[in-house]
Amino acid sequence: NNNNNKQGKNEETAATTESDRSAISILRQRQVATAKMYATEAWCALGQAQKGMNTLVGDCKEDVFDTFSADLSGITLDAAMRNSAAKARLALAQATLRCFVSVTSAQLGNIQFAKQLA
């Protein structure tokens, strides 16, 4: 019976540790996304908008907006579909990203694209 208690505690500790790792991973993704936004702002202030755009969205793969927004908000698309508060948080992150890309595009002289995103 003592072995069962030890095994139960080990399983509980493992589950808690996995939960902690997941939370840390989400926090880390949010921090990296936020740092990229600040770096983009800095590059633009230094007149290096292309470096800012590369920092923010890289090679502009099709899903970069979804991925970056999920990282910034800490909310997955699945979670947003199931929870209205998560959906609102993800939408705010998407709007923030569109604003950053719009401003950076305008600094690059791509006014049409900037207007589409604004």
PDB file of N, CA and C in Angstrom:
ATOM      1  N   ASN A   1       0.821  -1.194   0.000  1.00  0.00           N
ATOM      2  CA  ASN A   1       0.000   0.000   0.000  1.00  0.00           C
ATOM      3  C   ASN A   1       0.864   1.258   0.000  1.00  0.00           C
ATOM      4  N   ASN A   2       1.991   1.200   0.707  1.00  0.00           N
ATOM      5  CA  ASN A   2       2.922   2.316   0.749  1.00  0.00           C
ATOM      6  C   ASN A   2       3.489   2.610  -0.641  1.00  0.00           C
ATOM      7  N   ASN A   3       3.741   1.538  -1.407  1.00  0.00           N
ATOM      8  CA  ASN A   3       4.235   1.709  -2.771  1.00  0.00           C
ATOM      9  C   ASN A   3       3.202   2.395  -3.651  1.00  0.00           C
ATOM     10  N   ASN A   4       1.927   2.095  -3.444  1.00  0.00           N
ATOM     11  CA  ASN A   4       0.855   2.733  -4.216  1.00  0.00           C
ATOM     12  C   ASN A   4       0.809   4.229  -3.941  1.00  0.00           C
ATOM     13  N   ASN A   5       1.003   4.619  -2.655  1.00  0.00           N
ATOM     14  CA  ASN A   5       1.021   6.042  -2.308  1.00  0.00           C
ATOM     15  C   ASN A   5       2.189   6.754  -2.974  1.00  0.00           C
ATOM     16  N   LYS A   6       3.356   6.122  -2.968  1.00  0.00           N
ATOM     17  CA  LYS A   6       4.540   6.714  -3.608  1.00  0.00           C
ATOM     18  C   LYS A   6       4.321   6.858  -5.099  1.00  0.00           C
ATOM     19  N   GLN A   7       3.742   5.817  -5.717  1.00  0.00           N
ATOM     20  CA  GLN A   7       3.496   5.865  -7.163  1.00  0.00           C
ATOM     21  C   GLN A   7       2.499   6.974  -7.491  1.00  0.00           C
ATOM     22  N   GLY A   8       1.451   7.094  -6.675  1.00  0.00           N
ATOM     23  CA  GLY A   8       0.456   8.141  -6.893  1.00  0.00           C
ATOM     24  C   GLY A   8       1.066   9.519  -6.783  1.00  0.00           C
ATOM     25  N   LYS A   9       1.942   9.717  -5.789  1.00  0.00           N
ATOM     26  CA  LYS A   9       2.604  11.011  -5.619  1.00  0.00           C
ATOM     27  C   LYS A   9       3.542  11.302  -6.778  1.00  0.00           C
ATOM     28  N   ASN A  10       4.251  10.283  -7.261  1.00  0.00           N
ATOM     29  CA  ASN A  10       5.143  10.471  -8.409  1.00  0.00           C
ATOM     30  C   ASN A  10       4.360  10.854  -9.649  1.00  0.00           C
ATOM     31  N   GLU A  11       3.210  10.204  -9.862  1.00  0.00           N
ATOM     32  CA  GLU A  11       2.378  10.537 -11.017  1.00  0.00           C
ATOM     33  C   GLU A  11       1.846  11.960 -10.899  1.00  0.00           C
ATOM     34  N   GLU A  12       1.442  12.336  -9.684  1.00  0.00           N
ATOM     35  CA  GLU A  12       0.954  13.688  -9.449  1.00  0.00           C
ATOM     36  C   GLU A  12       2.048  14.716  -9.692  1.00  0.00           C
ATOM     37  N   THR A  13       3.248  14.448  -9.212  1.00  0.00           N
ATOM     38  CA  THR A  13       4.386  15.342  -9.425  1.00  0.00           C
ATOM     39  C   THR A  13       4.712  15.454 -10.904  1.00  0.00           C
ATOM     40  N   ALA A  14       4.669  14.329 -11.611  1.00  0.00           N
ATOM     41  CA  ALA A  14       4.947  14.349 -13.051  1.00  0.00           C
ATOM     42  C   ALA A  14       3.908  15.175 -13.785  1.00  0.00           C
ATOM     43  N   ALA A  15       2.643  15.046 -13.397  1.00  0.00           N
ATOM     44  CA  ALA A  15       1.579  15.818 -14.045  1.00  0.00           C
ATOM     45  C   ALA A  15       1.757  17.311 -13.768  1.00  0.00           C
ATOM     46  N   THR A  16       2.078  17.651 -12.528  1.00  0.00           N
ATOM     47  CA  THR A  16       2.303  19.050 -12.166  1.00  0.00           C
ATOM     48  C   THR A  16       3.494  19.610 -12.932  1.00  0.00           C
ATOM     49  N   THR A  17       4.543  18.841 -13.015  1.00  0.00           N
ATOM     50  CA  THR A  17       5.726  19.280 -13.741  1.00  0.00           C
ATOM     51  C   THR A  17       5.404  19.513 -15.212  1.00  0.00           C
ATOM     52  N   GLU A  18       4.633  18.616 -15.817  1.00  0.00           N
ATOM     53  CA  GLU A  18       4.237  18.774 -17.219  1.00  0.00           C
ATOM     54  C   GLU A  18       3.377  20.026 -17.396  1.00  0.00           C
ATOM     55  N   SER A  19       2.483  20.265 -16.461  1.00  0.00           N
ATOM     56  CA  SER A  19       1.637  21.458 -16.496  1.00  0.00           C
ATOM     57  C   SER A  19       2.490  22.718 -16.364  1.00  0.00           C
ATOM     58  N   ASP A  20       3.466  22.668 -15.458  1.00  0.00           N
ATOM     59  CA  ASP A  20       4.368  23.805 -15.285  1.00  0.00           C
ATOM     60  C   ASP A  20       5.168  24.067 -16.554  1.00  0.00           C
ATOM     61  N   ARG A  21       5.653  22.987 -17.170  1.00  0.00           N
ATOM     62  CA  ARG A  21       6.422  23.144 -18.412  1.00  0.00           C
ATOM     63  C   ARG A  21       5.570  23.777 -19.499  1.00  0.00           C
ATOM     64  N   SER A  22       4.327  23.365 -19.581  1.00  0.00           N
ATOM     65  CA  SER A  22       3.426  23.912 -20.584  1.00  0.00           C
ATOM     66  C   SER A  22       3.210  25.403 -20.345  1.00  0.00           C
ATOM     67  N   ALA A  23       2.988  25.776 -19.090  1.00  0.00           N
ATOM     68  CA  ALA A  23       2.785  27.189 -18.754  1.00  0.00           C
ATOM     69  C   ALA A  23       4.036  28.006 -19.046  1.00  0.00           C
ATOM     70  N   ILE A  24       5.192  27.463 -18.729  1.00  0.00           N
ATOM     71  CA  ILE A  24       6.453  28.155 -19.006  1.00  0.00           C
ATOM     72  C   ILE A  24       6.656  28.295 -20.507  1.00  0.00           C
ATOM     73  N   SER A  25       6.316  27.261 -21.248  1.00  0.00           N
ATOM     74  CA  SER A  25       6.451  27.307 -22.699  1.00  0.00           C
ATOM     75  C   SER A  25       5.568  28.397 -23.296  1.00  0.00           C
ATOM     76  N   ILE A  26       4.334  28.488 -22.824  1.00  0.00           N
ATOM     77  CA  ILE A  26       3.418  29.516 -23.317  1.00  0.00           C
ATOM     78  C   ILE A  26       3.943  30.905 -22.949  1.00  0.00           C
ATOM     79  N   LEU A  27       4.401  31.063 -21.722  1.00  0.00           N
ATOM     80  CA  LEU A  27       4.965  32.341 -21.288  1.00  0.00           C
ATOM     81  C   LEU A  27       6.170  32.711 -22.140  1.00  0.00           C
ATOM     82  N   ARG A  28       7.032  31.748 -22.396  1.00  0.00           N
ATOM     83  CA  ARG A  28       8.234  31.983 -23.216  1.00  0.00           C
ATOM     84  C   ARG A  28       7.850  32.412 -24.627  1.00  0.00           C
ATOM     85  N   GLN A  29       6.847  31.766 -25.214  1.00  0.00           N
ATOM     86  CA  GLN A  29       6.397  32.135 -26.557  1.00  0.00           C
ATOM     87  C   GLN A  29       5.863  33.565 -26.566  1.00  0.00           C
ATOM     88  N   ARG A  30       5.125  33.936 -25.536  1.00  0.00           N
ATOM     89  CA  ARG A  30       4.596  35.292 -25.448  1.00  0.00           C
ATOM     90  C   ARG A  30       5.721  36.310 -25.324  1.00  0.00           C
ATOM     91  N   GLN A  31       6.736  35.974 -24.509  1.00  0.00           N
ATOM     92  CA  GLN A  31       7.871  36.880 -24.335  1.00  0.00           C
ATOM     93  C   GLN A  31       8.642  37.061 -25.635  1.00  0.00           C
ATOM     94  N   VAL A  32       8.867  35.977 -26.356  1.00  0.00           N
ATOM     95  CA  VAL A  32       9.593  36.060 -27.630  1.00  0.00           C
ATOM     96  C   VAL A  32       8.807  36.891 -28.635  1.00  0.00           C
ATOM     97  N   ALA A  33       7.503  36.674 -28.719  1.00  0.00           N
ATOM     98  CA  ALA A  33       6.678  37.443 -29.653  1.00  0.00           C
ATOM     99  C   ALA A  33       6.707  38.934 -29.301  1.00  0.00           C
ATOM    100  N   THR A  34       6.607  39.244 -28.022  1.00  0.00           N
ATOM    101  CA  THR A  34       6.655  40.638 -27.587  1.00  0.00           C
ATOM    102  C   THR A  34       8.018  41.258 -27.888  1.00  0.00           C
ATOM    103  N   ALA A  35       9.079  40.518 -27.651  1.00  0.00           N
ATOM    104  CA  ALA A  35      10.433  41.012 -27.943  1.00  0.00           C
ATOM    105  C   ALA A  35      10.597  41.295 -29.434  1.00  0.00           C
ATOM    106  N   LYS A  36      10.031  40.444 -30.272  1.00  0.00           N
ATOM    107  CA  LYS A  36      10.103  40.672 -31.729  1.00  0.00           C
ATOM    108  C   LYS A  36       9.391  41.958 -32.113  1.00  0.00           C
ATOM    109  N   MET A  37       8.292  42.258 -31.446  1.00  0.00           N
ATOM    110  CA  MET A  37       7.571  43.494 -31.750  1.00  0.00           C
ATOM    111  C   MET A  37       8.402  44.717 -31.342  1.00  0.00           C
ATOM    112  N   TYR A  38       9.013  44.658 -30.164  1.00  0.00           N
ATOM    113  CA  TYR A  38       9.877  45.765 -29.729  1.00  0.00           C
ATOM    114  C   TYR A  38      11.088  45.910 -30.646  1.00  0.00           C
ATOM    115  N   ALA A  39      11.645  44.789 -31.072  1.00  0.00           N
ATOM    116  CA  ALA A  39      12.796  44.838 -31.980  1.00  0.00           C
ATOM    117  C   ALA A  39      12.401  45.459 -33.316  1.00  0.00           C
ATOM    118  N   THR A  40      11.214  45.115 -33.784  1.00  0.00           N
ATOM    119  CA  THR A  40      10.723  45.691 -35.038  1.00  0.00           C
ATOM    120  C   THR A  40      10.582  47.203 -34.909  1.00  0.00           C
ATOM    121  N   GLU A  41      10.026  47.634 -33.792  1.00  0.00           N
ATOM    122  CA  GLU A  41       9.877  49.073 -33.551  1.00  0.00           C
ATOM    123  C   GLU A  41      11.248  49.761 -33.525  1.00  0.00           C
ATOM    124  N   ALA A  42      12.211  49.126 -32.892  1.00  0.00           N
ATOM    125  CA  ALA A  42      13.565  49.694 -32.825  1.00  0.00           C
ATOM    126  C   ALA A  42      14.200  49.774 -34.209  1.00  0.00           C
ATOM    127  N   TRP A  43      14.078  48.699 -34.999  1.00  0.00           N
ATOM    128  CA  TRP A  43      14.649  48.712 -36.354  1.00  0.00           C
ATOM    129  C   TRP A  43      14.023  49.833 -37.182  1.00  0.00           C
ATOM    130  N   CYS A  44      12.708  50.003 -37.059  1.00  0.00           N
ATOM    131  CA  CYS A  44      12.044  51.070 -37.818  1.00  0.00           C
ATOM    132  C   CYS A  44      12.535  52.449 -37.374  1.00  0.00           C
ATOM    133  N   ALA A  45      12.715  52.633 -36.072  1.00  0.00           N
ATOM    134  CA  ALA A  45      13.219  53.914 -35.563  1.00  0.00           C
ATOM    135  C   ALA A  45      14.623  54.204 -36.065  1.00  0.00           C
ATOM    136  N   LEU A  46      15.386  53.145 -36.345  1.00  0.00           N
ATOM    137  CA  LEU A  46      16.748  53.303 -36.870  1.00  0.00           C
ATOM    138  C   LEU A  46      16.777  53.390 -38.397  1.00  0.00           C
ATOM    139  N   GLY A  47      15.593  53.405 -39.011  1.00  0.00           N
ATOM    140  CA  GLY A  47      15.522  53.494 -40.468  1.00  0.00           C
ATOM    141  C   GLY A  47      15.792  52.177 -41.171  1.00  0.00           C
ATOM    142  N   GLN A  48      15.675  51.082 -40.461  1.00  0.00           N
ATOM    143  CA  GLN A  48      15.929  49.744 -41.023  1.00  0.00           C
ATOM    144  C   GLN A  48      14.634  48.929 -41.008  1.00  0.00           C
ATOM    145  N   ALA A  49      13.615  49.436 -41.695  1.00  0.00           N
ATOM    146  CA  ALA A  49      12.295  48.809 -41.675  1.00  0.00           C
ATOM    147  C   ALA A  49      12.319  47.380 -42.218  1.00  0.00           C
ATOM    148  N   GLN A  50      13.160  47.104 -43.212  1.00  0.00           N
ATOM    149  CA  GLN A  50      13.215  45.739 -43.762  1.00  0.00           C
ATOM    150  C   GLN A  50      13.709  44.746 -42.707  1.00  0.00           C
ATOM    151  N   LYS A  51      14.696  45.150 -41.937  1.00  0.00           N
ATOM    152  CA  LYS A  51      15.161  44.276 -40.854  1.00  0.00           C
ATOM    153  C   LYS A  51      14.046  44.091 -39.821  1.00  0.00           C
ATOM    154  N   GLY A  52      13.287  45.134 -39.582  1.00  0.00           N
ATOM    155  CA  GLY A  52      12.152  45.038 -38.668  1.00  0.00           C
ATOM    156  C   GLY A  52      11.109  44.064 -39.169  1.00  0.00           C
ATOM    157  N   MET A  53      10.802  44.150 -40.459  1.00  0.00           N
ATOM    158  CA  MET A  53       9.806  43.239 -41.048  1.00  0.00           C
ATOM    159  C   MET A  53      10.311  41.802 -40.977  1.00  0.00           C
ATOM    160  N   ASN A  54      11.589  41.601 -41.269  1.00  0.00           N
ATOM    161  CA  ASN A  54      12.157  40.255 -41.197  1.00  0.00           C
ATOM    162  C   ASN A  54      12.103  39.704 -39.773  1.00  0.00           C
ATOM    163  N   THR A  55      12.347  40.575 -38.797  1.00  0.00           N
ATOM    164  CA  THR A  55      12.286  40.166 -37.401  1.00  0.00           C
ATOM    165  C   THR A  55      10.862  39.779 -37.020  1.00  0.00           C
ATOM    166  N   LEU A  56       9.916  40.550 -37.498  1.00  0.00           N
ATOM    167  CA  LEU A  56       8.520  40.353 -37.103  1.00  0.00           C
ATOM    168  C   LEU A  56       7.882  39.140 -37.757  1.00  0.00           C
ATOM    169  N   VAL A  57       7.982  39.030 -39.062  1.00  0.00           N
ATOM    170  CA  VAL A  57       7.256  37.956 -39.757  1.00  0.00           C
ATOM    171  C   VAL A  57       8.143  37.071 -40.620  1.00  0.00           C
ATOM    172  N   GLY A  58       9.435  37.285 -40.591  1.00  0.00           N
ATOM    173  CA  GLY A  58      10.329  36.412 -41.348  1.00  0.00           C
ATOM    174  C   GLY A  58      10.026  36.401 -42.829  1.00  0.00           C
ATOM    175  N   ASP A  59       9.829  35.209 -43.366  1.00  0.00           N
ATOM    176  CA  ASP A  59       9.599  35.086 -44.805  1.00  0.00           C
ATOM    177  C   ASP A  59       8.119  35.145 -45.174  1.00  0.00           C
ATOM    178  N   CYS A  60       7.279  35.580 -44.250  1.00  0.00           N
ATOM    179  CA  CYS A  60       5.832  35.767 -44.484  1.00  0.00           C
ATOM    180  C   CYS A  60       5.150  34.514 -45.016  1.00  0.00           C
ATOM    181  N   LYS A  61       5.388  33.390 -44.359  1.00  0.00           N
ATOM    182  CA  LYS A  61       4.653  32.184 -44.725  1.00  0.00           C
ATOM    183  C   LYS A  61       3.176  32.431 -44.493  1.00  0.00           C
ATOM    184  N   GLU A  62       2.362  31.626 -45.137  1.00  0.00           N
ATOM    185  CA  GLU A  62       0.917  31.819 -45.098  1.00  0.00           C
ATOM    186  C   GLU A  62       0.346  31.846 -43.681  1.00  0.00           C
ATOM    187  N   ASP A  63       0.860  30.996 -42.799  1.00  0.00           N
ATOM    188  CA  ASP A  63       0.299  30.892 -41.453  1.00  0.00           C
ATOM    189  C   ASP A  63       1.042  31.736 -40.420  1.00  0.00           C
ATOM    190  N   VAL A  64       1.925  32.613 -40.862  1.00  0.00           N
ATOM    191  CA  VAL A  64       2.738  33.380 -39.917  1.00  0.00           C
ATOM    192  C   VAL A  64       1.876  34.270 -39.026  1.00  0.00           C
ATOM    193  N   PHE A  65       0.811  34.836 -39.548  1.00  0.00           N
ATOM    194  CA  PHE A  65      -0.045  35.692 -38.744  1.00  0.00           C
ATOM    195  C   PHE A  65      -0.748  34.893 -37.652  1.00  0.00           C
ATOM    196  N   ASP A  66      -1.267  33.712 -38.015  1.00  0.00           N
ATOM    197  CA  ASP A  66      -1.927  32.864 -37.017  1.00  0.00           C
ATOM    198  C   ASP A  66      -0.948  32.397 -35.952  1.00  0.00           C
ATOM    199  N   THR A  67       0.215  31.947 -36.393  1.00  0.00           N
ATOM    200  CA  THR A  67       1.219  31.437 -35.455  1.00  0.00           C
ATOM    201  C   THR A  67       1.702  32.532 -34.522  1.00  0.00           C
ATOM    202  N   PHE A  68       2.047  33.689 -35.083  1.00  0.00           N
ATOM    203  CA  PHE A  68       2.552  34.791 -34.261  1.00  0.00           C
ATOM    204  C   PHE A  68       1.478  35.276 -33.293  1.00  0.00           C
ATOM    205  N   SER A  69       0.249  35.399 -33.769  1.00  0.00           N
ATOM    206  CA  SER A  69      -0.845  35.849 -32.904  1.00  0.00           C
ATOM    207  C   SER A  69      -1.096  34.869 -31.766  1.00  0.00           C
ATOM    208  N   ALA A  70      -1.014  33.585 -32.072  1.00  0.00           N
ATOM    209  CA  ALA A  70      -1.190  32.561 -31.031  1.00  0.00           C
ATOM    210  C   ALA A  70      -0.057  32.662 -30.006  1.00  0.00           C
ATOM    211  N   ASP A  71       1.165  32.872 -30.484  1.00  0.00           N
ATOM    212  CA  ASP A  71       2.306  33.017 -29.569  1.00  0.00           C
ATOM    213  C   ASP A  71       2.150  34.269 -28.707  1.00  0.00           C
ATOM    214  N   LEU A  72       1.742  35.370 -29.325  1.00  0.00           N
ATOM    215  CA  LEU A  72       1.613  36.636 -28.610  1.00  0.00           C
ATOM    216  C   LEU A  72       0.518  36.574 -27.550  1.00  0.00           C
ATOM    217  N   SER A  73      -0.583  35.937 -27.872  1.00  0.00           N
ATOM    218  CA  SER A  73      -1.719  35.885 -26.947  1.00  0.00           C
ATOM    219  C   SER A  73      -1.649  34.717 -25.975  1.00  0.00           C
ATOM    220  N   GLY A  74      -0.904  33.690 -26.345  1.00  0.00           N
ATOM    221  CA  GLY A  74      -0.896  32.476 -25.531  1.00  0.00           C
ATOM    222  C   GLY A  74      -2.134  31.639 -25.749  1.00  0.00           C
ATOM    223  N   ILE A  75      -2.869  31.926 -26.816  1.00  0.00           N
ATOM    224  CA  ILE A  75      -4.135  31.253 -27.124  1.00  0.00           C
ATOM    225  C   ILE A  75      -4.025  30.545 -28.473  1.00  0.00           C
ATOM    226  N   THR A  76      -4.387  29.282 -28.502  1.00  0.00           N
ATOM    227  CA  THR A  76      -4.405  28.553 -29.769  1.00  0.00           C
ATOM    228  C   THR A  76      -5.728  28.805 -30.486  1.00  0.00           C
ATOM    229  N   LEU A  77      -5.754  28.527 -31.775  1.00  0.00           N
ATOM    230  CA  LEU A  77      -6.992  28.686 -32.538  1.00  0.00           C
ATOM    231  C   LEU A  77      -8.079  27.760 -31.999  1.00  0.00           C
ATOM    232  N   ASP A  78      -7.700  26.565 -31.587  1.00  0.00           N
ATOM    233  CA  ASP A  78      -8.652  25.623 -30.987  1.00  0.00           C
ATOM    234  C   ASP A  78      -9.288  26.205 -29.734  1.00  0.00           C
ATOM    235  N   ALA A  79      -8.465  26.742 -28.867  1.00  0.00           N
ATOM    236  CA  ALA A  79      -8.966  27.328 -27.617  1.00  0.00           C
ATOM    237  C   ALA A  79      -9.880  28.512 -27.913  1.00  0.00           C
ATOM    238  N   ALA A  80      -9.538  29.296 -28.905  1.00  0.00           N
ATOM    239  CA  ALA A  80     -10.352  30.463 -29.259  1.00  0.00           C
ATOM    240  C   ALA A  80     -11.732  30.049 -29.775  1.00  0.00           C
ATOM    241  N   MET A  81     -11.801  28.906 -30.423  1.00  0.00           N
ATOM    242  CA  MET A  81     -13.097  28.432 -30.921  1.00  0.00           C
ATOM    243  C   MET A  81     -14.003  27.955 -29.780  1.00  0.00           C
ATOM    244  N   ARG A  82     -13.406  27.549 -28.675  1.00  0.00           N
ATOM    245  CA  ARG A  82     -14.176  26.987 -27.566  1.00  0.00           C
ATOM    246  C   ARG A  82     -14.498  27.997 -26.470  1.00  0.00           C
ATOM    247  N   ASN A  83     -13.850  29.163 -26.476  1.00  0.00           N
ATOM    248  CA  ASN A  83     -13.985  30.080 -25.353  1.00  0.00           C
ATOM    249  C   ASN A  83     -14.016  31.512 -25.871  1.00  0.00           C
ATOM    250  N   SER A  84     -15.051  32.256 -25.511  1.00  0.00           N
ATOM    251  CA  SER A  84     -15.197  33.614 -26.052  1.00  0.00           C
ATOM    252  C   SER A  84     -14.125  34.571 -25.528  1.00  0.00           C
ATOM    253  N   ALA A  85     -13.692  34.394 -24.276  1.00  0.00           N
ATOM    254  CA  ALA A  85     -12.635  35.257 -23.744  1.00  0.00           C
ATOM    255  C   ALA A  85     -11.315  34.989 -24.471  1.00  0.00           C
ATOM    256  N   ALA A  86     -11.037  33.719 -24.743  1.00  0.00           N
ATOM    257  CA  ALA A  86      -9.824  33.364 -25.488  1.00  0.00           C
ATOM    258  C   ALA A  86      -9.904  33.906 -26.904  1.00  0.00           C
ATOM    259  N   LYS A  87     -11.087  33.857 -27.488  1.00  0.00           N
ATOM    260  CA  LYS A  87     -11.282  34.376 -28.847  1.00  0.00           C
ATOM    261  C   LYS A  87     -10.999  35.880 -28.892  1.00  0.00           C
ATOM    262  N   ALA A  88     -11.467  36.603 -27.891  1.00  0.00           N
ATOM    263  CA  ALA A  88     -11.236  38.047 -27.833  1.00  0.00           C
ATOM    264  C   ALA A  88      -9.755  38.356 -27.658  1.00  0.00           C
ATOM    265  N   ARG A  89      -9.083  37.580 -26.821  1.00  0.00           N
ATOM    266  CA  ARG A  89      -7.649  37.787 -26.592  1.00  0.00           C
ATOM    267  C   ARG A  89      -6.836  37.513 -27.855  1.00  0.00           C
ATOM    268  N   LEU A  90      -7.197  36.454 -28.576  1.00  0.00           N
ATOM    269  CA  LEU A  90      -6.513  36.138 -29.831  1.00  0.00           C
ATOM    270  C   LEU A  90      -6.784  37.229 -30.872  1.00  0.00           C
ATOM    271  N   ALA A  91      -8.015  37.717 -30.931  1.00  0.00           N
ATOM    272  CA  ALA A  91      -8.361  38.779 -31.883  1.00  0.00           C
ATOM    273  C   ALA A  91      -7.563  40.053 -31.606  1.00  0.00           C
ATOM    274  N   LEU A  92      -7.364  40.374 -30.331  1.00  0.00           N
ATOM    275  CA  LEU A  92      -6.556  41.539 -29.972  1.00  0.00           C
ATOM    276  C   LEU A  92      -5.112  41.368 -30.430  1.00  0.00           C
ATOM    277  N   ALA A  93      -4.568  40.175 -30.242  1.00  0.00           N
ATOM    278  CA  ALA A  93      -3.198  39.902 -30.691  1.00  0.00           C
ATOM    279  C   ALA A  93      -3.100  40.003 -32.213  1.00  0.00           C
ATOM    280  N   GLN A  94      -4.114  39.507 -32.919  1.00  0.00           N
ATOM    281  CA  GLN A  94      -4.118  39.591 -34.386  1.00  0.00           C
ATOM    282  C   GLN A  94      -4.174  41.044 -34.845  1.00  0.00           C
ATOM    283  N   ALA A  95      -4.996  41.845 -34.190  1.00  0.00           N
ATOM    284  CA  ALA A  95      -5.095  43.268 -34.542  1.00  0.00           C
ATOM    285  C   ALA A  95      -3.784  43.989 -34.267  1.00  0.00           C
ATOM    286  N   THR A  96      -3.148  43.669 -33.155  1.00  0.00           N
ATOM    287  CA  THR A  96      -1.863  44.280 -32.807  1.00  0.00           C
ATOM    288  C   THR A  96      -0.810  43.936 -33.853  1.00  0.00           C
ATOM    289  N   LEU A  97      -0.758  42.685 -34.248  1.00  0.00           N
ATOM    290  CA  LEU A  97       0.208  42.268 -35.263  1.00  0.00           C
ATOM    291  C   LEU A  97      -0.062  42.964 -36.591  1.00  0.00           C
ATOM    292  N   ARG A  98      -1.327  43.045 -36.984  1.00  0.00           N
ATOM    293  CA  ARG A  98      -1.657  43.730 -38.247  1.00  0.00           C
ATOM    294  C   ARG A  98      -1.205  45.190 -38.207  1.00  0.00           C
ATOM    295  N   CYS A  99      -1.376  45.848 -37.069  1.00  0.00           N
ATOM    296  CA  CYS A  99      -0.931  47.246 -36.935  1.00  0.00           C
ATOM    297  C   CYS A  99       0.578  47.367 -37.099  1.00  0.00           C
ATOM    298  N   PHE A 100       1.318  46.469 -36.444  1.00  0.00           N
ATOM    299  CA  PHE A 100       2.778  46.503 -36.550  1.00  0.00           C
ATOM    300  C   PHE A 100       3.237  46.259 -37.986  1.00  0.00           C
ATOM    301  N   VAL A 101       2.635  45.279 -38.644  1.00  0.00           N
ATOM    302  CA  VAL A 101       3.015  44.980 -40.026  1.00  0.00           C
ATOM    303  C   VAL A 101       2.600  46.131 -40.946  1.00  0.00           C
ATOM    304  N   SER A 102       1.469  46.737 -40.671  1.00  0.00           N
ATOM    305  CA  SER A 102       0.999  47.867 -41.477  1.00  0.00           C
ATOM    306  C   SER A 102       1.967  49.043 -41.397  1.00  0.00           C
ATOM    307  N   VAL A 103       2.355  49.401 -40.185  1.00  0.00           N
ATOM    308  CA  VAL A 103       3.277  50.528 -40.000  1.00  0.00           C
ATOM    309  C   VAL A 103       4.632  50.227 -40.640  1.00  0.00           C
ATOM    310  N   THR A 104       5.106  49.011 -40.444  1.00  0.00           N
ATOM    311  CA  THR A 104       6.400  48.630 -41.021  1.00  0.00           C
ATOM    312  C   THR A 104       6.334  48.634 -42.545  1.00  0.00           C
ATOM    313  N   SER A 105       5.220  48.158 -43.093  1.00  0.00           N
ATOM    314  CA  SER A 105       5.040  48.176 -44.549  1.00  0.00           C
ATOM    315  C   SER A 105       5.017  49.600 -45.082  1.00  0.00           C
ATOM    316  N   ALA A 106       4.365  50.488 -44.361  1.00  0.00           N
ATOM    317  CA  ALA A 106       4.322  51.894 -44.770  1.00  0.00           C
ATOM    318  C   ALA A 106       5.728  52.492 -44.789  1.00  0.00           C
ATOM    319  N   GLN A 107       6.535  52.151 -43.790  1.00  0.00           N
ATOM    320  CA  GLN A 107       7.910  52.657 -43.767  1.00  0.00           C
ATOM    321  C   GLN A 107       8.730  52.097 -44.915  1.00  0.00           C
ATOM    322  N   LEU A 108       8.354  50.917 -45.393  1.00  0.00           N
ATOM    323  CA  LEU A 108       9.049  50.329 -46.543  1.00  0.00           C
ATOM    324  C   LEU A 108       8.545  50.907 -47.866  1.00  0.00           C
ATOM    325  N   GLY A 109       7.496  51.740 -47.787  1.00  0.00           N
ATOM    326  CA  GLY A 109       6.957  52.355 -48.991  1.00  0.00           C
ATOM    327  C   GLY A 109       5.828  51.553 -49.627  1.00  0.00           C
ATOM    328  N   ASN A 110       5.408  50.483 -48.998  1.00  0.00           N
ATOM    329  CA  ASN A 110       4.329  49.659 -49.529  1.00  0.00           C
ATOM    330  C   ASN A 110       3.004  50.127 -48.922  1.00  0.00           C
ATOM    331  N   ILE A 111       2.550  51.282 -49.403  1.00  0.00           N
ATOM    332  CA  ILE A 111       1.377  51.941 -48.831  1.00  0.00           C
ATOM    333  C   ILE A 111       0.099  51.142 -49.059  1.00  0.00           C
ATOM    334  N   GLN A 112      -0.052  50.531 -50.211  1.00  0.00           N
ATOM    335  CA  GLN A 112      -1.265  49.749 -50.491  1.00  0.00           C
ATOM    336  C   GLN A 112      -1.418  48.606 -49.491  1.00  0.00           C
ATOM    337  N   PHE A 113      -0.362  47.870 -49.258  1.00  0.00           N
ATOM    338  CA  PHE A 113      -0.404  46.751 -48.308  1.00  0.00           C
ATOM    339  C   PHE A 113      -0.658  47.284 -46.900  1.00  0.00           C
ATOM    340  N   ALA A 114      -0.029  48.407 -46.570  1.00  0.00           N
ATOM    341  CA  ALA A 114      -0.232  49.018 -45.250  1.00  0.00           C
ATOM    342  C   ALA A 114      -1.694  49.389 -45.048  1.00  0.00           C
ATOM    343  N   LYS A 115      -2.324  49.941 -46.089  1.00  0.00           N
ATOM    344  CA  LYS A 115      -3.733  50.308 -45.994  1.00  0.00           C
ATOM    345  C   LYS A 115      -4.626  49.082 -45.847  1.00  0.00           C
ATOM    346  N   GLN A 116      -4.279  47.993 -46.523  1.00  0.00           N
ATOM    347  CA  GLN A 116      -5.073  46.763 -46.418  1.00  0.00           C
ATOM    348  C   GLN A 116      -5.057  46.218 -44.994  1.00  0.00           C
ATOM    349  N   LEU A 117      -3.936  46.332 -44.343  1.00  0.00           N
ATOM    350  CA  LEU A 117      -3.804  45.785 -42.994  1.00  0.00           C
ATOM    351  C   LEU A 117      -4.374  46.705 -41.918  1.00  0.00           C
ATOM    352  N   ALA A 118      -4.419  48.003 -42.207  1.00  0.00           N
ATOM    353  CA  ALA A 118      -4.862  48.989 -41.196  1.00  0.00           C
ATOM    354  C   ALA A 118      -6.346  48.906 -40.924  1.00  0.00           C
TER     355      ALA A 118
END
